[in-house]
N, C-alpha and C. Protein backbone atom coordinates (compact mmCIF):
# COMPACT_ATOMS: atom_id res chain seq x y z
N MET A 1 0.83 -1.17 0.00
CA MET A 1 0.00 0.00 0.01
C MET A 1 0.88 1.23 0.00
N VAL A 2 0.41 2.22 -0.70
CA VAL A 2 1.17 3.46 -0.83
C VAL A 2 0.36 4.60 -0.24
N ASP A 3 0.92 5.28 0.75
CA ASP A 3 0.28 6.45 1.33
C ASP A 3 0.51 7.66 0.44
N VAL A 4 -0.56 8.37 0.15
CA VAL A 4 -0.49 9.58 -0.66
C VAL A 4 -0.29 10.78 0.26
N LYS A 5 0.67 11.65 -0.09
CA LYS A 5 0.99 12.79 0.76
C LYS A 5 0.19 14.04 0.42
N ASN A 6 -0.05 14.26 -0.88
CA ASN A 6 -0.76 15.48 -1.35
C ASN A 6 -1.19 15.27 -2.78
N SER A 7 -1.81 16.28 -3.38
CA SER A 7 -2.34 16.18 -4.75
C SER A 7 -1.24 15.90 -5.77
N LYS A 8 -0.12 16.58 -5.64
CA LYS A 8 0.98 16.36 -6.58
C LYS A 8 1.50 14.93 -6.48
N ASP A 9 1.70 14.45 -5.26
CA ASP A 9 2.15 13.08 -5.01
C ASP A 9 1.15 12.08 -5.61
N PHE A 10 -0.12 12.37 -5.46
CA PHE A 10 -1.19 11.52 -6.00
C PHE A 10 -1.05 11.39 -7.50
N GLN A 11 -0.88 12.51 -8.20
CA GLN A 11 -0.75 12.50 -9.66
C GLN A 11 0.50 11.73 -10.11
N VAL A 12 1.59 11.90 -9.38
CA VAL A 12 2.82 11.18 -9.71
C VAL A 12 2.61 9.67 -9.56
N LYS A 13 1.98 9.28 -8.46
CA LYS A 13 1.74 7.84 -8.21
C LYS A 13 0.78 7.25 -9.23
N LEU A 14 -0.26 8.00 -9.61
CA LEU A 14 -1.18 7.53 -10.64
C LEU A 14 -0.45 7.33 -11.96
N GLY A 15 0.45 8.23 -12.27
CA GLY A 15 1.19 8.15 -13.52
C GLY A 15 2.13 6.97 -13.62
N LYS A 16 2.51 6.40 -12.47
CA LYS A 16 3.47 5.28 -12.46
C LYS A 16 2.80 3.92 -12.49
N VAL A 17 1.49 3.88 -12.42
CA VAL A 17 0.77 2.61 -12.29
C VAL A 17 0.70 1.83 -13.60
N GLY A 18 0.68 2.53 -14.72
CA GLY A 18 0.56 1.84 -15.99
C GLY A 18 -0.86 1.32 -16.19
N SER A 19 -0.99 0.07 -16.63
CA SER A 19 -2.30 -0.49 -16.94
C SER A 19 -2.93 -1.26 -15.77
N LYS A 20 -2.28 -1.25 -14.63
CA LYS A 20 -2.83 -1.95 -13.47
C LYS A 20 -4.09 -1.27 -12.95
N LEU A 21 -4.88 -2.04 -12.24
CA LEU A 21 -6.02 -1.49 -11.52
C LEU A 21 -5.48 -0.65 -10.36
N VAL A 22 -6.08 0.53 -10.16
CA VAL A 22 -5.74 1.38 -9.02
C VAL A 22 -6.94 1.34 -8.07
N VAL A 23 -6.68 0.95 -6.83
CA VAL A 23 -7.71 0.96 -5.81
C VAL A 23 -7.33 2.09 -4.84
N ILE A 24 -8.18 3.10 -4.76
CA ILE A 24 -7.90 4.22 -3.88
C ILE A 24 -8.76 4.05 -2.64
N ASP A 25 -8.10 3.95 -1.52
CA ASP A 25 -8.78 3.80 -0.22
C ASP A 25 -8.82 5.17 0.45
N PHE A 26 -9.99 5.79 0.44
CA PHE A 26 -10.17 7.05 1.15
C PHE A 26 -10.57 6.70 2.58
N TYR A 27 -9.72 7.09 3.52
CA TYR A 27 -9.89 6.69 4.91
C TYR A 27 -9.58 7.84 5.86
N ALA A 28 -9.87 7.61 7.13
CA ALA A 28 -9.45 8.54 8.19
C ALA A 28 -8.90 7.70 9.33
N LYS A 29 -7.85 8.19 9.97
CA LYS A 29 -7.22 7.44 11.07
C LYS A 29 -8.17 7.18 12.23
N TRP A 30 -9.14 8.07 12.44
CA TRP A 30 -10.07 7.96 13.55
C TRP A 30 -11.29 7.08 13.23
N CYS A 31 -11.36 6.54 12.04
CA CYS A 31 -12.54 5.82 11.53
C CYS A 31 -12.47 4.32 11.86
N PRO A 32 -13.33 3.83 12.78
CA PRO A 32 -13.31 2.40 13.12
C PRO A 32 -13.57 1.45 11.93
N PRO A 33 -14.55 1.73 11.04
CA PRO A 33 -14.73 0.82 9.91
C PRO A 33 -13.51 0.78 8.98
N CYS A 34 -12.79 1.91 8.88
CA CYS A 34 -11.56 1.94 8.07
C CYS A 34 -10.52 0.99 8.64
N LYS A 35 -10.39 1.00 9.95
CA LYS A 35 -9.42 0.12 10.62
C LYS A 35 -9.86 -1.34 10.49
N GLN A 36 -11.15 -1.56 10.51
CA GLN A 36 -11.69 -2.93 10.44
C GLN A 36 -11.41 -3.57 9.08
N ILE A 37 -11.54 -2.82 7.99
CA ILE A 37 -11.39 -3.38 6.66
C ILE A 37 -9.94 -3.40 6.18
N SER A 38 -9.08 -2.68 6.86
CA SER A 38 -7.68 -2.53 6.43
C SER A 38 -6.92 -3.87 6.27
N PRO A 39 -7.05 -4.83 7.21
CA PRO A 39 -6.33 -6.10 7.02
C PRO A 39 -6.77 -6.85 5.75
N LEU A 40 -8.05 -6.80 5.42
CA LEU A 40 -8.51 -7.44 4.21
C LEU A 40 -7.92 -6.74 2.99
N LEU A 41 -7.89 -5.43 3.01
CA LEU A 41 -7.32 -4.67 1.90
C LEU A 41 -5.85 -5.05 1.71
N ASP A 42 -5.13 -5.22 2.81
CA ASP A 42 -3.71 -5.65 2.74
C ASP A 42 -3.60 -7.01 2.05
N ARG A 43 -4.46 -7.95 2.45
CA ARG A 43 -4.42 -9.30 1.86
C ARG A 43 -4.76 -9.27 0.37
N LEU A 44 -5.79 -8.49 0.01
CA LEU A 44 -6.17 -8.41 -1.40
C LEU A 44 -5.06 -7.78 -2.23
N GLU A 45 -4.40 -6.79 -1.67
CA GLU A 45 -3.30 -6.17 -2.42
C GLU A 45 -2.19 -7.20 -2.68
N LEU A 46 -1.88 -8.04 -1.70
CA LEU A 46 -0.88 -9.09 -1.90
C LEU A 46 -1.36 -10.12 -2.94
N ASP A 47 -2.61 -10.51 -2.83
CA ASP A 47 -3.16 -11.51 -3.76
C ASP A 47 -3.16 -11.01 -5.21
N TYR A 48 -3.35 -9.72 -5.39
CA TYR A 48 -3.47 -9.15 -6.73
C TYR A 48 -2.29 -8.25 -7.09
N LYS A 49 -1.12 -8.47 -6.45
CA LYS A 49 0.00 -7.54 -6.61
C LYS A 49 0.47 -7.37 -8.04
N SER A 50 0.28 -8.36 -8.89
CA SER A 50 0.70 -8.21 -10.29
C SER A 50 -0.34 -7.47 -11.12
N LYS A 51 -1.55 -7.26 -10.56
CA LYS A 51 -2.62 -6.66 -11.33
C LYS A 51 -3.20 -5.39 -10.73
N ALA A 52 -2.86 -5.08 -9.47
CA ALA A 52 -3.49 -3.94 -8.80
C ALA A 52 -2.51 -3.23 -7.86
N VAL A 53 -2.77 -1.95 -7.67
CA VAL A 53 -2.00 -1.11 -6.75
C VAL A 53 -3.02 -0.40 -5.85
N VAL A 54 -2.72 -0.35 -4.55
CA VAL A 54 -3.60 0.34 -3.60
C VAL A 54 -2.94 1.64 -3.19
N LEU A 55 -3.67 2.74 -3.35
CA LEU A 55 -3.24 4.04 -2.86
C LEU A 55 -4.13 4.43 -1.69
N LYS A 56 -3.54 4.79 -0.58
CA LYS A 56 -4.30 5.20 0.61
C LYS A 56 -4.29 6.71 0.72
N VAL A 57 -5.50 7.29 0.80
CA VAL A 57 -5.65 8.73 0.88
C VAL A 57 -6.35 9.07 2.19
N ASP A 58 -5.60 9.69 3.09
CA ASP A 58 -6.14 10.15 4.36
C ASP A 58 -6.95 11.42 4.08
N VAL A 59 -8.27 11.35 4.27
CA VAL A 59 -9.14 12.47 3.90
C VAL A 59 -8.88 13.72 4.73
N ASP A 60 -8.31 13.55 5.92
CA ASP A 60 -7.99 14.72 6.76
C ASP A 60 -6.72 15.43 6.29
N LYS A 61 -5.82 14.71 5.66
CA LYS A 61 -4.58 15.30 5.16
C LYS A 61 -4.67 15.73 3.70
N CYS A 62 -5.52 15.05 2.94
CA CYS A 62 -5.62 15.28 1.51
C CYS A 62 -7.05 15.72 1.14
N VAL A 63 -7.46 16.80 1.72
CA VAL A 63 -8.84 17.31 1.55
C VAL A 63 -9.12 17.60 0.07
N GLU A 64 -8.16 18.14 -0.62
CA GLU A 64 -8.34 18.51 -2.02
C GLU A 64 -8.69 17.28 -2.87
N ILE A 65 -7.99 16.18 -2.64
CA ILE A 65 -8.27 14.95 -3.40
C ILE A 65 -9.65 14.40 -3.04
N ALA A 66 -9.95 14.38 -1.76
CA ALA A 66 -11.26 13.90 -1.30
C ALA A 66 -12.39 14.73 -1.92
N ASN A 67 -12.21 16.03 -1.97
CA ASN A 67 -13.21 16.91 -2.58
C ASN A 67 -13.36 16.66 -4.07
N LYS A 68 -12.23 16.46 -4.74
CA LYS A 68 -12.24 16.22 -6.20
C LYS A 68 -13.11 15.02 -6.55
N TYR A 69 -13.02 13.98 -5.72
CA TYR A 69 -13.76 12.74 -6.00
C TYR A 69 -15.07 12.66 -5.19
N LYS A 70 -15.47 13.78 -4.58
CA LYS A 70 -16.74 13.89 -3.84
C LYS A 70 -16.90 12.79 -2.78
N ILE A 71 -15.86 12.63 -1.96
CA ILE A 71 -15.87 11.64 -0.90
C ILE A 71 -16.58 12.22 0.32
N SER A 72 -17.65 11.54 0.76
CA SER A 72 -18.41 12.03 1.91
C SER A 72 -18.53 11.01 3.03
N ALA A 73 -18.03 9.80 2.80
CA ALA A 73 -18.10 8.75 3.82
C ALA A 73 -16.79 7.95 3.77
N MET A 74 -16.42 7.41 4.92
CA MET A 74 -15.22 6.60 4.98
C MET A 74 -15.57 5.23 5.56
N PRO A 75 -14.92 4.20 5.08
CA PRO A 75 -14.02 4.23 3.92
C PRO A 75 -14.84 4.30 2.62
N THR A 76 -14.22 4.90 1.62
CA THR A 76 -14.73 4.85 0.26
C THR A 76 -13.63 4.29 -0.61
N PHE A 77 -13.99 3.37 -1.47
CA PHE A 77 -13.04 2.74 -2.38
C PHE A 77 -13.37 3.15 -3.79
N LEU A 78 -12.36 3.69 -4.47
CA LEU A 78 -12.51 4.15 -5.84
C LEU A 78 -11.61 3.25 -6.68
N PHE A 79 -12.14 2.74 -7.77
CA PHE A 79 -11.41 1.83 -8.65
C PHE A 79 -11.19 2.53 -9.98
N MET A 80 -9.90 2.57 -10.40
CA MET A 80 -9.54 3.27 -11.64
C MET A 80 -8.69 2.36 -12.51
N LYS A 81 -8.85 2.54 -13.81
CA LYS A 81 -8.01 1.84 -14.77
C LYS A 81 -7.67 2.87 -15.84
N ASN A 82 -6.38 3.04 -16.13
CA ASN A 82 -5.92 4.03 -17.10
C ASN A 82 -6.46 5.43 -16.75
N GLU A 83 -6.46 5.73 -15.44
CA GLU A 83 -6.87 7.02 -14.90
C GLU A 83 -8.36 7.33 -15.11
N LYS A 84 -9.16 6.31 -15.41
CA LYS A 84 -10.61 6.49 -15.54
C LYS A 84 -11.30 5.70 -14.42
N ILE A 85 -12.30 6.31 -13.82
CA ILE A 85 -13.05 5.64 -12.73
C ILE A 85 -13.93 4.54 -13.32
N ILE A 86 -13.78 3.33 -12.79
CA ILE A 86 -14.58 2.21 -13.26
C ILE A 86 -15.48 1.64 -12.17
N GLY A 87 -15.32 2.15 -10.94
CA GLY A 87 -16.17 1.69 -9.86
C GLY A 87 -15.92 2.47 -8.58
N LYS A 88 -16.92 2.45 -7.69
CA LYS A 88 -16.79 3.18 -6.41
C LYS A 88 -17.85 2.65 -5.45
N PHE A 89 -17.47 2.50 -4.20
CA PHE A 89 -18.46 2.20 -3.16
C PHE A 89 -17.95 2.69 -1.81
N SER A 90 -18.87 2.93 -0.90
CA SER A 90 -18.53 3.37 0.45
C SER A 90 -18.95 2.30 1.44
N GLY A 91 -18.18 2.23 2.54
CA GLY A 91 -18.50 1.30 3.62
C GLY A 91 -17.50 0.17 3.70
N ALA A 92 -17.41 -0.41 4.89
CA ALA A 92 -16.49 -1.52 5.14
C ALA A 92 -17.21 -2.82 4.81
N ASP A 93 -17.38 -3.10 3.53
CA ASP A 93 -18.11 -4.26 3.04
C ASP A 93 -17.11 -5.27 2.45
N PRO A 94 -16.69 -6.27 3.23
CA PRO A 94 -15.66 -7.20 2.77
C PRO A 94 -16.00 -7.92 1.46
N GLU A 95 -17.24 -8.40 1.32
CA GLU A 95 -17.61 -9.13 0.12
C GLU A 95 -17.57 -8.24 -1.12
N ASN A 96 -18.06 -7.02 -0.97
CA ASN A 96 -18.05 -6.09 -2.08
C ASN A 96 -16.60 -5.76 -2.48
N LEU A 97 -15.73 -5.57 -1.51
CA LEU A 97 -14.33 -5.28 -1.78
C LEU A 97 -13.69 -6.43 -2.54
N LYS A 98 -13.90 -7.65 -2.07
CA LYS A 98 -13.35 -8.84 -2.76
C LYS A 98 -13.87 -8.93 -4.18
N ASN A 99 -15.18 -8.76 -4.34
CA ASN A 99 -15.80 -8.86 -5.67
C ASN A 99 -15.26 -7.80 -6.62
N CYS A 100 -15.08 -6.58 -6.12
CA CYS A 100 -14.57 -5.51 -6.98
C CYS A 100 -13.13 -5.79 -7.43
N PHE A 101 -12.29 -6.26 -6.52
CA PHE A 101 -10.92 -6.62 -6.91
C PHE A 101 -10.97 -7.67 -8.02
N TYR A 102 -11.78 -8.70 -7.82
CA TYR A 102 -11.87 -9.78 -8.79
C TYR A 102 -12.38 -9.26 -10.13
N LYS A 103 -13.51 -8.55 -10.08
CA LYS A 103 -14.17 -8.09 -11.32
C LYS A 103 -13.29 -7.10 -12.08
N PHE A 104 -12.72 -6.12 -11.37
CA PHE A 104 -12.00 -5.07 -12.06
C PHE A 104 -10.59 -5.45 -12.49
N THR A 105 -10.02 -6.52 -11.96
CA THR A 105 -8.74 -6.98 -12.47
C THR A 105 -8.92 -7.80 -13.74
N LYS A 106 -10.15 -8.16 -14.04
CA LYS A 106 -10.46 -8.91 -15.27
C LYS A 106 -10.72 -7.98 -16.44
N VAL A 107 -10.94 -6.71 -16.16
CA VAL A 107 -11.27 -5.72 -17.21
C VAL A 107 -10.06 -5.43 -18.07
């Protein structure tokens, strides 16, 4: 997992991904559901390491990025391929997260 520092850092990291799936985890350190889903996100990133990259965006530190993508709940997962959004959902839903990794790495 890669922690994003700011908007410029975010753009640089997006540019280095290539054709892999990008999973952006919008979270807050104080958010219990974010902490709850984090171990699963770690496992999925390992399982899909050749096909996906996870970027973690702390909404309290990276307000500009959160606003750009209209993030209003945490955690929110945004799925991108070639810098285009292909999926998004909010909430610590393990089955949905697993299904999205599976579905979007097949695209």
